[in-house]
C-alpha atoms as a PDB file:
ATOM      1  CA  MET A   1      14.758 -12.421  13.902  1.00  0.00           C
ATOM      2  CA  MET A   2      11.097 -13.042  14.627  1.00  0.00           C
ATOM      3  CA  SER A   3       9.401 -16.265  13.551  1.00  0.00           C
ATOM      4  CA  ALA A   4       6.392 -16.193  11.238  1.00  0.00           C
ATOM      5  CA  ASP A   5       4.090 -16.980  14.197  1.00  0.00           C
ATOM      6  CA  GLN A   6       5.428 -13.993  16.128  1.00  0.00           C
ATOM      7  CA  LEU A   7       4.965 -11.749  13.134  1.00  0.00           C
ATOM      8  CA  GLU A   8       1.307 -12.741  12.893  1.00  0.00           C
ATOM      9  CA  THR A   9       0.554 -11.335  16.394  1.00  0.00           C
ATOM     10  CA  VAL A  10       1.264  -7.661  15.437  1.00  0.00           C
ATOM     11  CA  THR A  11      -1.379  -5.404  16.925  1.00  0.00           C
ATOM     12  CA  VAL A  12      -3.650  -4.004  14.145  1.00  0.00           C
ATOM     13  CA  PRO A  13      -6.424  -1.493  13.989  1.00  0.00           C
ATOM     14  CA  ALA A  14     -10.043  -2.600  13.841  1.00  0.00           C
ATOM     15  CA  PRO A  15     -11.537  -2.625  10.260  1.00  0.00           C
ATOM     16  CA  ASP A  16     -13.802   0.348  10.996  1.00  0.00           C
ATOM     17  CA  THR A  17     -11.025   2.469  12.454  1.00  0.00           C
ATOM     18  CA  ILE A  18      -9.869   5.442  10.406  1.00  0.00           C
ATOM     19  CA  VAL A  19      -6.201   4.794   9.695  1.00  0.00           C
ATOM     20  CA  GLU A  20      -3.612   7.501   8.890  1.00  0.00           C
ATOM     21  CA  THR A  21      -0.805   5.639   7.091  1.00  0.00           C
ATOM     22  CA  TRP A  22      -0.589   3.426   4.129  1.00  0.00           C
ATOM     23  CA  ASN A  23       1.030   0.792   6.304  1.00  0.00           C
ATOM     24  CA  ASP A  24      -2.023   0.738   8.649  1.00  0.00           C
ATOM     25  CA  ARG A  25      -4.367   0.659   5.681  1.00  0.00           C
ATOM     26  CA  LEU A  26      -2.497  -2.340   4.394  1.00  0.00           C
ATOM     27  CA  VAL A  27      -2.973  -4.150   7.740  1.00  0.00           C
ATOM     28  CA  GLN A  28      -6.701  -3.246   7.711  1.00  0.00           C
ATOM     29  CA  SER A  29      -7.121  -4.517   4.178  1.00  0.00           C
ATOM     30  CA  ARG A  30      -5.346  -7.769   4.834  1.00  0.00           C
ATOM     31  CA  LEU A  31      -7.526  -8.401   7.904  1.00  0.00           C
ATOM     32  CA  VAL A  32     -10.792  -7.475   6.103  1.00  0.00           C
ATOM     33  CA  ARG A  33      -9.857 -10.014   3.425  1.00  0.00           C
ATOM     34  CA  GLY A  34      -9.119 -12.641   6.186  1.00  0.00           C
ATOM     35  CA  LEU A  35      -5.461 -13.137   5.180  1.00  0.00           C
ATOM     36  CA  THR A  36      -2.533 -13.845   7.380  1.00  0.00           C
ATOM     37  CA  MET A  37       0.870 -12.359   6.648  1.00  0.00           C
ATOM     38  CA  THR A  38       1.924 -15.787   5.627  1.00  0.00           C
ATOM     39  CA  SER A  39      -0.839 -16.215   3.087  1.00  0.00           C
ATOM     40  CA  LEU A  40      -0.382 -12.724   1.754  1.00  0.00           C
ATOM     41  CA  ALA A  41       3.415 -13.352   1.362  1.00  0.00           C
ATOM     42  CA  LYS A  42       2.788 -16.531  -0.486  1.00  0.00           C
ATOM     43  CA  ALA A  43       0.349 -14.899  -2.840  1.00  0.00           C
ATOM     44  CA  LEU A  44       2.711 -12.061  -3.604  1.00  0.00           C
ATOM     45  CA  ASN A  45       5.788 -14.253  -3.734  1.00  0.00           C
ATOM     46  CA  VAL A  46       7.560 -12.306  -1.027  1.00  0.00           C
ATOM     47  CA  SER A  47       8.749 -13.297   2.476  1.00  0.00           C
ATOM     48  CA  VAL A  48       6.739 -12.916   5.632  1.00  0.00           C
ATOM     49  CA  PRO A  49       9.351 -10.540   7.039  1.00  0.00           C
ATOM     50  CA  ALA A  50       8.797  -8.337   3.917  1.00  0.00           C
ATOM     51  CA  ILE A  51       5.121  -8.089   4.732  1.00  0.00           C
ATOM     52  CA  SER A  52       5.952  -7.322   8.379  1.00  0.00           C
ATOM     53  CA  GLU A  53       8.303  -4.550   7.168  1.00  0.00           C
ATOM     54  CA  TRP A  54       5.506  -3.053   4.989  1.00  0.00           C
ATOM     55  CA  GLU A  55       2.960  -3.223   7.813  1.00  0.00           C
ATOM     56  CA  SER A  56       5.198  -1.918  10.599  1.00  0.00           C
ATOM     57  CA  GLY A  57       6.079   1.252   8.692  1.00  0.00           C
ATOM     58  CA  ASN A  58       9.787   0.414   8.187  1.00  0.00           C
ATOM     59  CA  ILE A  59       9.195   0.533   4.436  1.00  0.00           C
ATOM     60  CA  ARG A  60       7.893   3.990   3.442  1.00  0.00           C
ATOM     61  CA  MET A  61       6.741   3.131  -0.052  1.00  0.00           C
ATOM     62  CA  LEU A  62       6.471   0.043  -2.318  1.00  0.00           C
ATOM     63  CA  ASP A  63       7.759  -0.028  -5.778  1.00  0.00           C
ATOM     64  CA  ALA A  64       4.903   0.284  -8.344  1.00  0.00           C
ATOM     65  CA  ASP A  65       4.905  -3.452  -9.377  1.00  0.00           C
ATOM     66  CA  LYS A  66       4.496  -4.669  -5.726  1.00  0.00           C
ATOM     67  CA  MET A  67       1.871  -2.116  -4.982  1.00  0.00           C
ATOM     68  CA  MET A  68      -0.161  -2.996  -8.023  1.00  0.00           C
ATOM     69  CA  ARG A  69       0.011  -6.729  -7.232  1.00  0.00           C
ATOM     70  CA  LEU A  70      -0.977  -5.993  -3.638  1.00  0.00           C
ATOM     71  CA  CYS A  71      -3.915  -3.873  -4.600  1.00  0.00           C
ATOM     72  CA  LEU A  72      -5.150  -6.394  -7.122  1.00  0.00           C
ATOM     73  CA  LEU A  73      -4.903  -9.212  -4.504  1.00  0.00           C
ATOM     74  CA  LEU A  74      -6.667  -7.200  -1.824  1.00  0.00           C
ATOM     75  CA  ASP A  75      -9.093  -5.661  -4.242  1.00  0.00           C
ATOM     76  CA  ILE A  76      -8.389  -2.172  -3.012  1.00  0.00           C
ATOM     77  CA  SER A  77      -7.719   1.141  -4.839  1.00  0.00           C
ATOM     78  CA  PRO A  78      -4.065   2.088  -4.961  1.00  0.00           C
ATOM     79  CA  VAL A  79      -5.200   5.708  -4.243  1.00  0.00           C
ATOM     80  CA  TRP A  80      -6.870   4.475  -1.032  1.00  0.00           C
ATOM     81  CA  LEU A  81      -3.917   2.478  -0.023  1.00  0.00           C
ATOM     82  CA  MET A  82      -1.400   5.243  -0.406  1.00  0.00           C
ATOM     83  CA  PHE A  83      -3.426   8.279   0.469  1.00  0.00           C
ATOM     84  CA  GLY A  84      -6.582   7.160   2.282  1.00  0.00           C
ATOM     85  CA  ASP A  85      -8.829   8.734  -0.305  1.00  0.00           C
ATOM     86  CA  GLY A  86     -12.006   6.753  -1.001  1.00  0.00           C
ATOM     87  CA  ALA A  87     -13.694   3.939   0.663  1.00  0.00           C
ATOM     88  CA  PRO A  88     -11.953   1.294   2.915  1.00  0.00           C
ATOM     89  CA  PRO A  89     -11.725  -2.217   1.649  1.00  0.00           C
ATOM     90  CA  ASP A  90     -14.984  -3.637   3.012  1.00  0.00           C
ATOM     91  CA  VAL A  91     -16.995  -1.229   0.861  1.00  0.00           C
ATOM     92  CA  GLN A  92     -14.512  -0.771  -1.960  1.00  0.00           C
ATOM     93  CA  THR A  93     -15.760  -0.573  -5.453  1.00  0.00           C
ATOM     94  CA  PRO A  94     -14.066  -2.740  -8.021  1.00  0.00           C
ATOM     95  CA  LEU A  95     -10.793  -1.349  -9.405  1.00  0.00           C
ATOM     96  CA  SER A  96     -10.625   0.006 -12.907  1.00  0.00           C
ATOM     97  CA  LYS A  97      -7.749  -0.100 -15.363  1.00  0.00           C
ATOM     98  CA  ASN A  98      -7.698   3.726 -15.066  1.00  0.00           C
ATOM     99  CA  ASP A  99      -6.956   3.450 -11.322  1.00  0.00           C
ATOM    100  CA  PHE A 100      -3.832   1.310 -12.080  1.00  0.00           C
ATOM    101  CA  SER A 101      -2.734   3.542 -14.971  1.00  0.00           C
ATOM    102  CA  ARG A 102      -2.969   6.672 -12.802  1.00  0.00           C
ATOM    103  CA  VAL A 103      -1.071   4.999  -9.964  1.00  0.00           C
ATOM    104  CA  GLY A 104       1.658   3.822 -12.317  1.00  0.00           C
ATOM    105  CA  LYS A 105       2.062   7.378 -13.626  1.00  0.00           C
ATOM    106  CA  ALA A 106       2.209   8.740 -10.130  1.00  0.00           C
ATOM    107  CA  CYS A 107       4.867   6.206  -9.199  1.00  0.00           C
ATOM    108  CA  ILE A 108       7.056   7.494 -11.929  1.00  0.00           C
ATOM    109  CA  PHE A 109       6.911  10.970 -10.459  1.00  0.00           C
ATOM    110  CA  LEU A 110       7.509   9.661  -6.960  1.00  0.00           C
ATOM    111  CA  ARG A 111      10.506   7.651  -8.064  1.00  0.00           C
ATOM    112  CA  ALA A 112      11.976  10.701  -9.764  1.00  0.00           C
ATOM    113  CA  ALA A 113      11.419  12.729  -6.491  1.00  0.00           C
ATOM    114  CA  ARG A 114      13.607  10.285  -4.528  1.00  0.00           C
ATOM    115  CA  SER A 115      16.712  11.265  -6.378  1.00  0.00           C
ATOM    116  CA  ALA A 116      15.726  14.757  -7.388  1.00  0.00           C
ATOM    117  CA  PRO A 117      17.442  17.864  -5.994  1.00  0.00           C
ATOM    118  CA  PRO A 118      15.545  19.289  -3.040  1.00  0.00           C
ATOM    119  CA  ALA A 119      14.187  22.199  -5.087  1.00  0.00           C
ATOM    120  CA  ASP A 120      12.470  19.784  -7.574  1.00  0.00           C
ATOM    121  CA  LYS A 121      11.052  17.281  -5.016  1.00  0.00           C
ATOM    122  CA  ASN A 122       7.931  19.141  -4.087  1.00  0.00           C
ATOM    123  CA  GLU A 123       7.046  19.763  -7.751  1.00  0.00           C
ATOM    124  CA  LEU A 124       7.354  16.098  -8.523  1.00  0.00           C
ATOM    125  CA  ILE A 125       5.319  15.046  -5.488  1.00  0.00           C
ATOM    126  CA  GLU A 126       2.687  17.561  -6.490  1.00  0.00           C
ATOM    127  CA  ALA A 127       2.610  16.163 -10.022  1.00  0.00           C
ATOM    128  CA  ALA A 128       2.100  12.669  -8.610  1.00  0.00           C
ATOM    129  CA  LEU A 129      -0.842  13.824  -6.528  1.00  0.00           C
ATOM    130  CA  ALA A 130      -2.294  15.680  -9.457  1.00  0.00           C
ATOM    131  CA  VAL A 131      -2.327  12.473 -11.497  1.00  0.00           C
ATOM    132  CA  LEU A 132      -4.150  10.676  -8.663  1.00  0.00           C
ATOM    133  CA  THR A 133      -6.971  13.261  -8.173  1.00  0.00           C
END
């Protein structure tokens, strides 16, 4: 297992780089806010290895509660974090309660999609995206 110091040396994209995945957008947001993995982990009451898993892409999606706390702490839009729509964190507009409400509803659809029969998954994912747009 890697130490906290080793985890802090993960290569990350520059703040002005267009990033494709939510994991990379998380790294970018953390760096723009000047946070280390350790400080972010403490603020969210999770372990440093958990943050590393999120940033490395080993975790494909956060549960709604963790995502909302993360977005509040980093002052980023959940829609930007998950889908890349909108402005990156250095020019982000303040979050509204509506942003969080929409993401919460979308998470319900996405959770249902995890255990849904294959024929229903796409419909649930489309419903989640519709809530967010």
